[in-house]
Amino acid sequence: MINEVIHGAHRLDAWLREKLGRPYGVLLGAGLVLGIIASVKTLIHTAETTPDVLKVVAAIAFQVALLINQLAQFHEFREERKARKAARRG
């Protein structure tokens, strides 16, 4: 079931990129930036408000992993954008 959902999401993403083009890309970029900002805020809030040290460490580790993943996605998004621009130029 998970594989079907993942494959369907991939196909939908490809279709949206093809049909909507740049507006879809702008939406994705904005969403990634907002997600990164939210992750940083959650990380700070968790560190400041959770009294249990083990829970803080676990929550911070989880949030850091998500933040790393989001930053990697943003990097991939920017690299794909650069490649598309270079391909259009020549």
PDB file of N, CA and C in Angstrom:
ATOM      1  N   MET A   1       0.827  -1.196   0.000  1.00  0.00           N
ATOM      2  CA  MET A   1       0.000   0.000   0.000  1.00  0.00           C
ATOM      3  C   MET A   1       0.872   1.261   0.000  1.00  0.00           C
ATOM      4  N   ILE A   2       1.903   1.283   0.852  1.00  0.00           N
ATOM      5  CA  ILE A   2       2.786   2.454   0.915  1.00  0.00           C
ATOM      6  C   ILE A   2       3.451   2.675  -0.439  1.00  0.00           C
ATOM      7  N   ASN A   3       3.896   1.592  -1.075  1.00  0.00           N
ATOM      8  CA  ASN A   3       4.543   1.723  -2.385  1.00  0.00           C
ATOM      9  C   ASN A   3       3.610   2.338  -3.420  1.00  0.00           C
ATOM     10  N   GLU A   4       2.344   1.969  -3.370  1.00  0.00           N
ATOM     11  CA  GLU A   4       1.363   2.529  -4.304  1.00  0.00           C
ATOM     12  C   GLU A   4       1.180   4.025  -4.062  1.00  0.00           C
ATOM     13  N   VAL A   5       1.110   4.406  -2.801  1.00  0.00           N
ATOM     14  CA  VAL A   5       0.949   5.823  -2.458  1.00  0.00           C
ATOM     15  C   VAL A   5       2.171   6.618  -2.919  1.00  0.00           C
ATOM     16  N   ILE A   6       3.355   6.084  -2.650  1.00  0.00           N
ATOM     17  CA  ILE A   6       4.589   6.762  -3.054  1.00  0.00           C
ATOM     18  C   ILE A   6       4.668   6.882  -4.573  1.00  0.00           C
ATOM     19  N   HIS A   7       4.371   5.805  -5.269  1.00  0.00           N
ATOM     20  CA  HIS A   7       4.411   5.835  -6.737  1.00  0.00           C
ATOM     21  C   HIS A   7       3.375   6.814  -7.282  1.00  0.00           C
ATOM     22  N   GLY A   8       2.184   6.809  -6.699  1.00  0.00           N
ATOM     23  CA  GLY A   8       1.144   7.747  -7.127  1.00  0.00           C
ATOM     24  C   GLY A   8       1.553   9.194  -6.888  1.00  0.00           C
ATOM     25  N   ALA A   9       2.170   9.459  -5.744  1.00  0.00           N
ATOM     26  CA  ALA A   9       2.638  10.816  -5.449  1.00  0.00           C
ATOM     27  C   ALA A   9       3.718  11.239  -6.438  1.00  0.00           C
ATOM     28  N   HIS A  10       4.586  10.323  -6.795  1.00  0.00           N
ATOM     29  CA  HIS A  10       5.639  10.630  -7.776  1.00  0.00           C
ATOM     30  C   HIS A  10       5.032  10.969  -9.136  1.00  0.00           C
ATOM     31  N   ARG A  11       4.074  10.174  -9.561  1.00  0.00           N
ATOM     32  CA  ARG A  11       3.405  10.438 -10.851  1.00  0.00           C
ATOM     33  C   ARG A  11       2.668  11.769 -10.816  1.00  0.00           C
ATOM     34  N   LEU A  12       1.975  12.052  -9.713  1.00  0.00           N
ATOM     35  CA  LEU A  12       1.250  13.308  -9.581  1.00  0.00           C
ATOM     36  C   LEU A  12       2.218  14.486  -9.600  1.00  0.00           C
ATOM     37  N   ASP A  13       3.342  14.366  -8.899  1.00  0.00           N
ATOM     38  CA  ASP A  13       4.350  15.417  -8.894  1.00  0.00           C
ATOM     39  C   ASP A  13       4.864  15.681 -10.307  1.00  0.00           C
ATOM     40  N   ALA A  14       5.175  14.627 -11.042  1.00  0.00           N
ATOM     41  CA  ALA A  14       5.660  14.786 -12.417  1.00  0.00           C
ATOM     42  C   ALA A  14       4.602  15.458 -13.284  1.00  0.00           C
ATOM     43  N   TRP A  15       3.343  15.060 -13.115  1.00  0.00           N
ATOM     44  CA  TRP A  15       2.264  15.655 -13.895  1.00  0.00           C
ATOM     45  C   TRP A  15       2.107  17.143 -13.569  1.00  0.00           C
ATOM     46  N   LEU A  16       2.147  17.472 -12.277  1.00  0.00           N
ATOM     47  CA  LEU A  16       2.025  18.879 -11.871  1.00  0.00           C
ATOM     48  C   LEU A  16       3.190  19.712 -12.396  1.00  0.00           C
ATOM     49  N   ARG A  17       4.399  19.160 -12.368  1.00  0.00           N
ATOM     50  CA  ARG A  17       5.560  19.875 -12.915  1.00  0.00           C
ATOM     51  C   ARG A  17       5.373  20.139 -14.404  1.00  0.00           C
ATOM     52  N   GLU A  18       4.839  19.137 -15.098  1.00  0.00           N
ATOM     53  CA  GLU A  18       4.639  19.281 -16.548  1.00  0.00           C
ATOM     54  C   GLU A  18       3.521  20.273 -16.865  1.00  0.00           C
ATOM     55  N   LYS A  19       2.411  20.176 -16.166  1.00  0.00           N
ATOM     56  CA  LYS A  19       1.246  20.999 -16.482  1.00  0.00           C
ATOM     57  C   LYS A  19       1.318  22.409 -15.916  1.00  0.00           C
ATOM     58  N   LEU A  20       1.862  22.565 -14.710  1.00  0.00           N
ATOM     59  CA  LEU A  20       1.874  23.873 -14.072  1.00  0.00           C
ATOM     60  C   LEU A  20       3.221  24.585 -14.183  1.00  0.00           C
ATOM     61  N   GLY A  21       4.279  23.811 -14.370  1.00  0.00           N
ATOM     62  CA  GLY A  21       5.601  24.392 -14.584  1.00  0.00           C
ATOM     63  C   GLY A  21       6.092  25.284 -13.455  1.00  0.00           C
ATOM     64  N   ARG A  22       6.451  26.502 -13.832  1.00  0.00           N
ATOM     65  CA  ARG A  22       7.066  27.430 -12.884  1.00  0.00           C
ATOM     66  C   ARG A  22       6.199  27.732 -11.655  1.00  0.00           C
ATOM     67  N   PRO A  23       4.888  27.980 -11.790  1.00  0.00           N
ATOM     68  CA  PRO A  23       4.090  28.243 -10.584  1.00  0.00           C
ATOM     69  C   PRO A  23       4.163  27.094  -9.570  1.00  0.00           C
ATOM     70  N   TYR A  24       4.197  25.876 -10.067  1.00  0.00           N
ATOM     71  CA  TYR A  24       4.322  24.722  -9.173  1.00  0.00           C
ATOM     72  C   TYR A  24       5.693  24.734  -8.495  1.00  0.00           C
ATOM     73  N   GLY A  25       6.727  25.053  -9.246  1.00  0.00           N
ATOM     74  CA  GLY A  25       8.067  25.148  -8.685  1.00  0.00           C
ATOM     75  C   GLY A  25       8.182  26.227  -7.629  1.00  0.00           C
ATOM     76  N   VAL A  26       7.564  27.367  -7.892  1.00  0.00           N
ATOM     77  CA  VAL A  26       7.577  28.454  -6.908  1.00  0.00           C
ATOM     78  C   VAL A  26       6.855  28.010  -5.642  1.00  0.00           C
ATOM     79  N   LEU A  27       5.730  27.347  -5.800  1.00  0.00           N
ATOM     80  CA  LEU A  27       4.975  26.847  -4.657  1.00  0.00           C
ATOM     81  C   LEU A  27       5.803  25.851  -3.847  1.00  0.00           C
ATOM     82  N   LEU A  28       6.500  24.946  -4.542  1.00  0.00           N
ATOM     83  CA  LEU A  28       7.350  23.979  -3.841  1.00  0.00           C
ATOM     84  C   LEU A  28       8.482  24.669  -3.092  1.00  0.00           C
ATOM     85  N   GLY A  29       9.130  25.620  -3.743  1.00  0.00           N
ATOM     86  CA  GLY A  29      10.222  26.343  -3.100  1.00  0.00           C
ATOM     87  C   GLY A  29       9.753  27.084  -1.866  1.00  0.00           C
ATOM     88  N   ALA A  30       8.627  27.766  -1.985  1.00  0.00           N
ATOM     89  CA  ALA A  30       8.082  28.499  -0.839  1.00  0.00           C
ATOM     90  C   ALA A  30       7.706  27.535   0.280  1.00  0.00           C
ATOM     91  N   GLY A  31       7.123  26.412  -0.080  1.00  0.00           N
ATOM     92  CA  GLY A  31       6.749  25.420   0.923  1.00  0.00           C
ATOM     93  C   GLY A  31       7.957  24.856   1.648  1.00  0.00           C
ATOM     94  N   LEU A  32       9.029  24.598   0.911  1.00  0.00           N
ATOM     95  CA  LEU A  32      10.247  24.100   1.554  1.00  0.00           C
ATOM     96  C   LEU A  32      10.835  25.129   2.511  1.00  0.00           C
ATOM     97  N   VAL A  33      10.897  26.386   2.084  1.00  0.00           N
ATOM     98  CA  VAL A  33      11.438  27.436   2.954  1.00  0.00           C
ATOM     99  C   VAL A  33      10.585  27.571   4.210  1.00  0.00           C
ATOM    100  N   LEU A  34       9.266  27.597   4.057  1.00  0.00           N
ATOM    101  CA  LEU A  34       8.384  27.693   5.221  1.00  0.00           C
ATOM    102  C   LEU A  34       8.519  26.475   6.136  1.00  0.00           C
ATOM    103  N   GLY A  35       8.681  25.308   5.542  1.00  0.00           N
ATOM    104  CA  GLY A  35       8.873  24.087   6.331  1.00  0.00           C
ATOM    105  C   GLY A  35      10.171  24.126   7.115  1.00  0.00           C
ATOM    106  N   ILE A  36      11.223  24.637   6.501  1.00  0.00           N
ATOM    107  CA  ILE A  36      12.510  24.754   7.187  1.00  0.00           C
ATOM    108  C   ILE A  36      12.399  25.723   8.355  1.00  0.00           C
ATOM    109  N   ILE A  37      11.755  26.855   8.125  1.00  0.00           N
ATOM    110  CA  ILE A  37      11.562  27.844   9.197  1.00  0.00           C
ATOM    111  C   ILE A  37      10.752  27.232  10.336  1.00  0.00           C
ATOM    112  N   ALA A  38       9.691  26.513  10.000  1.00  0.00           N
ATOM    113  CA  ALA A  38       8.861  25.874  11.035  1.00  0.00           C
ATOM    114  C   ALA A  38       9.661  24.836  11.811  1.00  0.00           C
ATOM    115  N   SER A  39      10.517  24.080  11.134  1.00  0.00           N
ATOM    116  CA  SER A  39      11.336  23.080  11.823  1.00  0.00           C
ATOM    117  C   SER A  39      12.291  23.726  12.811  1.00  0.00           C
ATOM    118  N   VAL A  40      12.900  24.817  12.403  1.00  0.00           N
ATOM    119  CA  VAL A  40      13.818  25.522  13.302  1.00  0.00           C
ATOM    120  C   VAL A  40      13.055  26.057  14.513  1.00  0.00           C
ATOM    121  N   LYS A  41      11.881  26.649  14.274  1.00  0.00           N
ATOM    122  CA  LYS A  41      11.077  27.167  15.389  1.00  0.00           C
ATOM    123  C   LYS A  41      10.658  26.047  16.331  1.00  0.00           C
ATOM    124  N   THR A  42      10.247  24.908  15.794  1.00  0.00           N
ATOM    125  CA  THR A  42       9.846  23.773  16.621  1.00  0.00           C
ATOM    126  C   THR A  42      11.024  23.263  17.431  1.00  0.00           C
ATOM    127  N   LEU A  43      12.182  23.211  16.804  1.00  0.00           N
ATOM    128  CA  LEU A  43      13.392  22.769  17.486  1.00  0.00           C
ATOM    129  C   LEU A  43      13.710  23.676  18.671  1.00  0.00           C
ATOM    130  N   ILE A  44      13.653  24.970  18.468  1.00  0.00           N
ATOM    131  CA  ILE A  44      13.922  25.936  19.536  1.00  0.00           C
ATOM    132  C   ILE A  44      12.870  25.825  20.637  1.00  0.00           C
ATOM    133  N   HIS A  45      11.607  25.752  20.240  1.00  0.00           N
ATOM    134  CA  HIS A  45      10.516  25.658  21.215  1.00  0.00           C
ATOM    135  C   HIS A  45      10.656  24.387  22.059  1.00  0.00           C
ATOM    136  N   THR A  46      10.961  23.273  21.425  1.00  0.00           N
ATOM    137  CA  THR A  46      11.113  22.008  22.145  1.00  0.00           C
ATOM    138  C   THR A  46      12.245  22.094  23.152  1.00  0.00           C
ATOM    139  N   ALA A  47      13.357  22.663  22.731  1.00  0.00           N
ATOM    140  CA  ALA A  47      14.508  22.778  23.626  1.00  0.00           C
ATOM    141  C   ALA A  47      14.207  23.682  24.817  1.00  0.00           C
ATOM    142  N   GLU A  48      13.390  24.700  24.608  1.00  0.00           N
ATOM    143  CA  GLU A  48      13.095  25.669  25.667  1.00  0.00           C
ATOM    144  C   GLU A  48      11.997  25.225  26.631  1.00  0.00           C
ATOM    145  N   THR A  49      11.063  24.404  26.173  1.00  0.00           N
ATOM    146  CA  THR A  49       9.869  24.135  26.981  1.00  0.00           C
ATOM    147  C   THR A  49       9.750  22.727  27.546  1.00  0.00           C
ATOM    148  N   THR A  50      10.581  21.792  27.118  1.00  0.00           N
ATOM    149  CA  THR A  50      10.441  20.415  27.587  1.00  0.00           C
ATOM    150  C   THR A  50      11.385  20.167  28.759  1.00  0.00           C
ATOM    151  N   PRO A  51      10.820  19.850  29.943  1.00  0.00           N
ATOM    152  CA  PRO A  51      11.669  19.673  31.124  1.00  0.00           C
ATOM    153  C   PRO A  51      12.420  18.335  31.161  1.00  0.00           C
ATOM    154  N   ASP A  52      11.884  17.302  30.550  1.00  0.00           N
ATOM    155  CA  ASP A  52      12.494  15.971  30.579  1.00  0.00           C
ATOM    156  C   ASP A  52      13.647  15.903  29.573  1.00  0.00           C
ATOM    157  N   VAL A  53      14.851  15.685  30.068  1.00  0.00           N
ATOM    158  CA  VAL A  53      16.049  15.712  29.226  1.00  0.00           C
ATOM    159  C   VAL A  53      15.984  14.665  28.121  1.00  0.00           C
ATOM    160  N   LEU A  54      15.538  13.450  28.435  1.00  0.00           N
ATOM    161  CA  LEU A  54      15.463  12.399  27.415  1.00  0.00           C
ATOM    162  C   LEU A  54      14.475  12.763  26.312  1.00  0.00           C
ATOM    163  N   LYS A  55      13.354  13.330  26.689  1.00  0.00           N
ATOM    164  CA  LYS A  55      12.370  13.747  25.687  1.00  0.00           C
ATOM    165  C   LYS A  55      12.932  14.866  24.825  1.00  0.00           C
ATOM    166  N   VAL A  56      13.663  15.777  25.435  1.00  0.00           N
ATOM    167  CA  VAL A  56      14.268  16.874  24.671  1.00  0.00           C
ATOM    168  C   VAL A  56      15.268  16.321  23.669  1.00  0.00           C
ATOM    169  N   VAL A  57      16.131  15.427  24.129  1.00  0.00           N
ATOM    170  CA  VAL A  57      17.147  14.847  23.237  1.00  0.00           C
ATOM    171  C   VAL A  57      16.480  14.105  22.089  1.00  0.00           C
ATOM    172  N   ALA A  58      15.456  13.305  22.384  1.00  0.00           N
ATOM    173  CA  ALA A  58      14.757  12.558  21.343  1.00  0.00           C
ATOM    174  C   ALA A  58      14.058  13.499  20.363  1.00  0.00           C
ATOM    175  N   ALA A  59      13.380  14.500  20.890  1.00  0.00           N
ATOM    176  CA  ALA A  59      12.668  15.449  20.032  1.00  0.00           C
ATOM    177  C   ALA A  59      13.641  16.251  19.176  1.00  0.00           C
ATOM    178  N   ILE A  60      14.748  16.666  19.779  1.00  0.00           N
ATOM    179  CA  ILE A  60      15.732  17.437  19.019  1.00  0.00           C
ATOM    180  C   ILE A  60      16.365  16.569  17.925  1.00  0.00           C
ATOM    181  N   ALA A  61      16.687  15.329  18.257  1.00  0.00           N
ATOM    182  CA  ALA A  61      17.268  14.430  17.246  1.00  0.00           C
ATOM    183  C   ALA A  61      16.302  14.247  16.077  1.00  0.00           C
ATOM    184  N   PHE A  62      15.033  14.062  16.390  1.00  0.00           N
ATOM    185  CA  PHE A  62      14.022  13.899  15.351  1.00  0.00           C
ATOM    186  C   PHE A  62      13.897  15.165  14.506  1.00  0.00           C
ATOM    187  N   GLN A  63      13.822  16.310  15.148  1.00  0.00           N
ATOM    188  CA  GLN A  63      13.681  17.576  14.431  1.00  0.00           C
ATOM    189  C   GLN A  63      14.926  17.888  13.595  1.00  0.00           C
ATOM    190  N   VAL A  64      16.095  17.586  14.108  1.00  0.00           N
ATOM    191  CA  VAL A  64      17.326  17.810  13.346  1.00  0.00           C
ATOM    192  C   VAL A  64      17.343  16.924  12.103  1.00  0.00           C
ATOM    193  N   ALA A  65      16.928  15.669  12.248  1.00  0.00           N
ATOM    194  CA  ALA A  65      16.868  14.775  11.090  1.00  0.00           C
ATOM    195  C   ALA A  65      15.903  15.316  10.034  1.00  0.00           C
ATOM    196  N   LEU A  66      14.743  15.796  10.475  1.00  0.00           N
ATOM    197  CA  LEU A  66      13.784  16.373   9.527  1.00  0.00           C
ATOM    198  C   LEU A  66      14.345  17.632   8.878  1.00  0.00           C
ATOM    199  N   LEU A  67      15.014  18.456   9.658  1.00  0.00           N
ATOM    200  CA  LEU A  67      15.596  19.678   9.120  1.00  0.00           C
ATOM    201  C   LEU A  67      16.671  19.363   8.087  1.00  0.00           C
ATOM    202  N   ILE A  68      17.517  18.388   8.370  1.00  0.00           N
ATOM    203  CA  ILE A  68      18.543  17.986   7.405  1.00  0.00           C
ATOM    204  C   ILE A  68      17.885  17.518   6.119  1.00  0.00           C
ATOM    205  N   ASN A  69      16.831  16.728   6.242  1.00  0.00           N
ATOM    206  CA  ASN A  69      16.123  16.244   5.061  1.00  0.00           C
ATOM    207  C   ASN A  69      15.517  17.397   4.266  1.00  0.00           C
ATOM    208  N   GLN A  70      14.909  18.348   4.947  1.00  0.00           N
ATOM    209  CA  GLN A  70      14.308  19.496   4.253  1.00  0.00           C
ATOM    210  C   GLN A  70      15.371  20.337   3.559  1.00  0.00           C
ATOM    211  N   LEU A  71      16.494  20.547   4.213  1.00  0.00           N
ATOM    212  CA  LEU A  71      17.568  21.314   3.588  1.00  0.00           C
ATOM    213  C   LEU A  71      18.118  20.585   2.363  1.00  0.00           C
ATOM    214  N   ALA A  72      18.218  19.262   2.447  1.00  0.00           N
ATOM    215  CA  ALA A  72      18.669  18.479   1.297  1.00  0.00           C
ATOM    216  C   ALA A  72      17.664  18.584   0.146  1.00  0.00           C
ATOM    217  N   GLN A  73      16.378  18.530   0.466  1.00  0.00           N
ATOM    218  CA  GLN A  73      15.353  18.686  -0.572  1.00  0.00           C
ATOM    219  C   GLN A  73      15.442  20.062  -1.210  1.00  0.00           C
ATOM    220  N   PHE A  74      15.670  21.086  -0.399  1.00  0.00           N
ATOM    221  CA  PHE A  74      15.781  22.437  -0.924  1.00  0.00           C
ATOM    222  C   PHE A  74      16.999  22.550  -1.837  1.00  0.00           C
ATOM    223  N   HIS A  75      18.096  21.917  -1.441  1.00  0.00           N
ATOM    224  CA  HIS A  75      19.295  21.911  -2.282  1.00  0.00           C
ATOM    225  C   HIS A  75      18.997  21.237  -3.626  1.00  0.00           C
ATOM    226  N   GLU A  76      18.341  20.076  -3.583  1.00  0.00           N
ATOM    227  CA  GLU A  76      17.985  19.374  -4.817  1.00  0.00           C
ATOM    228  C   GLU A  76      17.067  20.225  -5.680  1.00  0.00           C
ATOM    229  N   PHE A  77      16.115  20.896  -5.061  1.00  0.00           N
ATOM    230  CA  PHE A  77      15.187  21.767  -5.780  1.00  0.00           C
ATOM    231  C   PHE A  77      15.959  22.874  -6.501  1.00  0.00           C
ATOM    232  N   ARG A  78      16.902  23.496  -5.806  1.00  0.00           N
ATOM    233  CA  ARG A  78      17.684  24.582  -6.406  1.00  0.00           C
ATOM    234  C   ARG A  78      18.582  24.066  -7.529  1.00  0.00           C
ATOM    235  N   GLU A  79      19.174  22.886  -7.339  1.00  0.00           N
ATOM    236  CA  GLU A  79      20.035  22.318  -8.373  1.00  0.00           C
ATOM    237  C   GLU A  79      19.220  21.969  -9.634  1.00  0.00           C
ATOM    238  N   GLU A  80      18.035  21.424  -9.455  1.00  0.00           N
ATOM    239  CA  GLU A  80      17.162  21.122 -10.590  1.00  0.00           C
ATOM    240  C   GLU A  80      16.790  22.407 -11.324  1.00  0.00           C
ATOM    241  N   ARG A  81      16.518  23.450 -10.566  1.00  0.00           N
ATOM    242  CA  ARG A  81      16.165  24.742 -11.160  1.00  0.00           C
ATOM    243  C   ARG A  81      17.336  25.295 -11.971  1.00  0.00           C
ATOM    244  N   LYS A  82      18.544  25.228 -11.410  1.00  0.00           N
ATOM    245  CA  LYS A  82      19.732  25.687 -12.136  1.00  0.00           C
ATOM    246  C   LYS A  82      19.925  24.898 -13.420  1.00  0.00           C
ATOM    247  N   ALA A  83      19.725  23.590 -13.345  1.00  0.00           N
ATOM    248  CA  ALA A  83      19.891  22.738 -14.525  1.00  0.00           C
ATOM    249  C   ALA A  83      18.870  23.078 -15.609  1.00  0.00           C
ATOM    250  N   ARG A  84      17.630  23.346 -15.206  1.00  0.00           N
ATOM    251  CA  ARG A  84      16.608  23.730 -16.187  1.00  0.00           C
ATOM    252  C   ARG A  84      16.952  25.052 -16.850  1.00  0.00           C
ATOM    253  N   LYS A  85      17.445  26.006 -16.051  1.00  0.00           N
ATOM    254  CA  LYS A  85      17.835  27.312 -16.607  1.00  0.00           C
ATOM    255  C   LYS A  85      18.977  27.146 -17.585  1.00  0.00           C
ATOM    256  N   ALA A  86      19.960  26.344 -17.236  1.00  0.00           N
ATOM    257  CA  ALA A  86      21.114  26.112 -18.114  1.00  0.00           C
ATOM    258  C   ALA A  86      20.671  25.436 -19.402  1.00  0.00           C
ATOM    259  N   ALA A  87      19.729  24.508 -19.311  1.00  0.00           N
ATOM    260  CA  ALA A  87      19.241  23.816 -20.503  1.00  0.00           C
ATOM    261  C   ALA A  87      18.491  24.773 -21.424  1.00  0.00           C
ATOM    262  N   ARG A  88      17.774  25.729 -20.850  1.00  0.00           N
ATOM    263  CA  ARG A  88      17.039  26.696 -21.680  1.00  0.00           C
ATOM    264  C   ARG A  88      18.001  27.641 -22.391  1.00  0.00           C
ATOM    265  N   ARG A  89      19.121  27.956 -21.727  1.00  0.00           N
ATOM    266  CA  ARG A  89      20.088  28.876 -22.317  1.00  0.00           C
ATOM    267  C   ARG A  89      20.856  28.267 -23.485  1.00  0.00           C
ATOM    268  N   GLY A  90      21.021  26.983 -23.432  1.00  0.00           N
ATOM    269  CA  GLY A  90      21.737  26.509 -24.576  1.00  0.00           C
ATOM    270  C   GLY A  90      22.344  25.211 -24.518  1.00  0.00           C
TER     271      GLY A  90
END
